[in-house]
Amino acid sequence: MSRKRIKELKNDLTFSLNSNVFIPLCLSKNEALRLEKHIDGVNKLRKIRNDVAHGNIGYNEVSFDDAKEAVESSMALVKAIEAKLHES
């Protein structure tokens, strides 16, 4: 495996770990459950981005509703993280 590919996997893994493991660990159980659908949406956006970037699908194959849902989930997750940071 090339060094470039290893670096890409490491970056992807880091993002995935942050959104799927570390963020929920920093939240109460209720907060984590409330944000679960948004974390799933962020994962969906990451998958769409990766599929388009790597030529697995064309950007015109991404449905408007899927893209909208994924972006809205990302924005909701960012807002929740910002709110949590301001609590400290």
C-alpha atoms as a PDB file:
ATOM      1  CA  MET A   1       0.000   0.000   0.000  1.00  0.00           C
ATOM      2  CA  SER A   2       1.379   3.430  -0.887  1.00  0.00           C
ATOM      3  CA  ARG A   3       2.308   6.010   1.738  1.00  0.00           C
ATOM      4  CA  LYS A   4      -0.268   8.364   0.244  1.00  0.00           C
ATOM      5  CA  ARG A   5      -3.028   5.778   0.709  1.00  0.00           C
ATOM      6  CA  ILE A   6      -1.921   5.042   4.285  1.00  0.00           C
ATOM      7  CA  LYS A   7      -2.026   8.767   5.051  1.00  0.00           C
ATOM      8  CA  GLU A   8      -5.522   9.032   3.515  1.00  0.00           C
ATOM      9  CA  LEU A   9      -6.724   6.087   5.590  1.00  0.00           C
ATOM     10  CA  LYS A  10      -5.202   7.576   8.720  1.00  0.00           C
ATOM     11  CA  ASN A  11      -6.972  10.895   8.088  1.00  0.00           C
ATOM     12  CA  ASP A  12     -10.261   9.146   7.379  1.00  0.00           C
ATOM     13  CA  LEU A  13      -9.897   6.938  10.426  1.00  0.00           C
ATOM     14  CA  THR A  14      -9.116   9.952  12.569  1.00  0.00           C
ATOM     15  CA  PHE A  15     -12.251  11.749  11.372  1.00  0.00           C
ATOM     16  CA  SER A  16     -14.315   8.626  11.827  1.00  0.00           C
ATOM     17  CA  LEU A  17     -12.961   8.038  15.302  1.00  0.00           C
ATOM     18  CA  ASN A  18     -13.659  11.637  16.264  1.00  0.00           C
ATOM     19  CA  SER A  19     -17.238  11.653  15.050  1.00  0.00           C
ATOM     20  CA  ASN A  20     -18.204   8.128  16.045  1.00  0.00           C
ATOM     21  CA  VAL A  21     -16.221   7.506  19.224  1.00  0.00           C
ATOM     22  CA  PHE A  22     -14.615  10.544  20.822  1.00  0.00           C
ATOM     23  CA  ILE A  23     -17.480  13.028  20.460  1.00  0.00           C
ATOM     24  CA  PRO A  24     -20.075  10.641  21.936  1.00  0.00           C
ATOM     25  CA  LEU A  25     -17.684   9.847  24.803  1.00  0.00           C
ATOM     26  CA  CYS A  26     -17.601  13.558  25.696  1.00  0.00           C
ATOM     27  CA  LEU A  27     -21.381  13.732  25.952  1.00  0.00           C
ATOM     28  CA  SER A  28     -23.927  12.522  28.434  1.00  0.00           C
ATOM     29  CA  LYS A  29     -25.857   9.439  27.383  1.00  0.00           C
ATOM     30  CA  ASN A  30     -28.922  11.569  26.558  1.00  0.00           C
ATOM     31  CA  GLU A  31     -26.860  14.034  24.521  1.00  0.00           C
ATOM     32  CA  ALA A  32     -25.183  11.203  22.620  1.00  0.00           C
ATOM     33  CA  LEU A  33     -28.532   9.569  21.849  1.00  0.00           C
ATOM     34  CA  ARG A  34     -29.967  12.904  20.685  1.00  0.00           C
ATOM     35  CA  LEU A  35     -27.026  13.439  18.328  1.00  0.00           C
ATOM     36  CA  GLU A  36     -26.840   9.875  17.030  1.00  0.00           C
ATOM     37  CA  LYS A  37     -28.901  10.621  13.901  1.00  0.00           C
ATOM     38  CA  HIS A  38     -26.697  13.652  13.172  1.00  0.00           C
ATOM     39  CA  ILE A  39     -23.530  11.585  13.540  1.00  0.00           C
ATOM     40  CA  ASP A  40     -25.064   9.083  11.111  1.00  0.00           C
ATOM     41  CA  GLY A  41     -25.753  11.993   8.757  1.00  0.00           C
ATOM     42  CA  VAL A  42     -22.131  13.145   8.977  1.00  0.00           C
ATOM     43  CA  ASN A  43     -21.041   9.603   8.138  1.00  0.00           C
ATOM     44  CA  LYS A  44     -23.380   9.692   5.147  1.00  0.00           C
ATOM     45  CA  LEU A  45     -21.868  13.005   3.982  1.00  0.00           C
ATOM     46  CA  ARG A  46     -18.347  11.596   4.357  1.00  0.00           C
ATOM     47  CA  LYS A  47     -19.333   8.539   2.321  1.00  0.00           C
ATOM     48  CA  ILE A  48     -20.916  10.697  -0.407  1.00  0.00           C
ATOM     49  CA  ARG A  49     -17.824  12.890  -0.534  1.00  0.00           C
ATOM     50  CA  ASN A  50     -15.498   9.899  -0.706  1.00  0.00           C
ATOM     51  CA  ASP A  51     -17.567   8.189  -3.404  1.00  0.00           C
ATOM     52  CA  VAL A  52     -17.612  11.329  -5.548  1.00  0.00           C
ATOM     53  CA  ALA A  53     -13.940  12.166  -4.928  1.00  0.00           C
ATOM     54  CA  HIS A  54     -12.792   8.655  -5.803  1.00  0.00           C
ATOM     55  CA  GLY A  55     -14.970   8.379  -8.888  1.00  0.00           C
ATOM     56  CA  ASN A  56     -17.260   5.673  -7.520  1.00  0.00           C
ATOM     57  CA  ILE A  57     -20.261   7.859  -8.347  1.00  0.00           C
ATOM     58  CA  GLY A  58     -20.770  11.097 -10.240  1.00  0.00           C
ATOM     59  CA  TYR A  59     -21.852  14.201  -8.344  1.00  0.00           C
ATOM     60  CA  ASN A  60     -25.070  14.158 -10.377  1.00  0.00           C
ATOM     61  CA  GLU A  61     -25.873  10.735  -8.875  1.00  0.00           C
ATOM     62  CA  VAL A  62     -26.180  12.204  -5.373  1.00  0.00           C
ATOM     63  CA  SER A  63     -29.797  12.938  -4.574  1.00  0.00           C
ATOM     64  CA  PHE A  64     -30.676  16.426  -3.374  1.00  0.00           C
ATOM     65  CA  ASP A  65     -32.464  14.975  -0.339  1.00  0.00           C
ATOM     66  CA  ASP A  66     -29.463  12.845   0.695  1.00  0.00           C
ATOM     67  CA  ALA A  67     -27.094  15.782   0.336  1.00  0.00           C
ATOM     68  CA  LYS A  68     -29.446  18.134   2.202  1.00  0.00           C
ATOM     69  CA  GLU A  69     -29.944  15.669   5.060  1.00  0.00           C
ATOM     70  CA  ALA A  70     -26.211  15.065   5.365  1.00  0.00           C
ATOM     71  CA  VAL A  71     -25.325  18.772   5.368  1.00  0.00           C
ATOM     72  CA  GLU A  72     -28.074  19.572   7.895  1.00  0.00           C
ATOM     73  CA  SER A  73     -26.777  16.799  10.155  1.00  0.00           C
ATOM     74  CA  SER A  74     -23.258  18.197   9.888  1.00  0.00           C
ATOM     75  CA  MET A  75     -24.457  21.667  10.822  1.00  0.00           C
ATOM     76  CA  ALA A  76     -26.458  20.313  13.775  1.00  0.00           C
ATOM     77  CA  LEU A  77     -23.435  18.389  15.031  1.00  0.00           C
ATOM     78  CA  VAL A  78     -21.192  21.462  14.773  1.00  0.00           C
ATOM     79  CA  LYS A  79     -23.762  23.547  16.686  1.00  0.00           C
ATOM     80  CA  ALA A  80     -23.981  20.893  19.405  1.00  0.00           C
ATOM     81  CA  ILE A  81     -20.180  20.758  19.729  1.00  0.00           C
ATOM     82  CA  GLU A  82     -19.991  24.564  19.912  1.00  0.00           C
ATOM     83  CA  ALA A  83     -22.678  24.625  22.618  1.00  0.00           C
ATOM     84  CA  LYS A  84     -20.827  21.950  24.583  1.00  0.00           C
ATOM     85  CA  LEU A  85     -17.545  23.878  24.329  1.00  0.00           C
ATOM     86  CA  HIS A  86     -19.215  27.056  25.626  1.00  0.00           C
ATOM     87  CA  GLU A  87     -20.501  25.152  28.682  1.00  0.00           C
ATOM     88  CA  SER A  88     -16.941  24.610  29.861  1.00  0.00           C
END
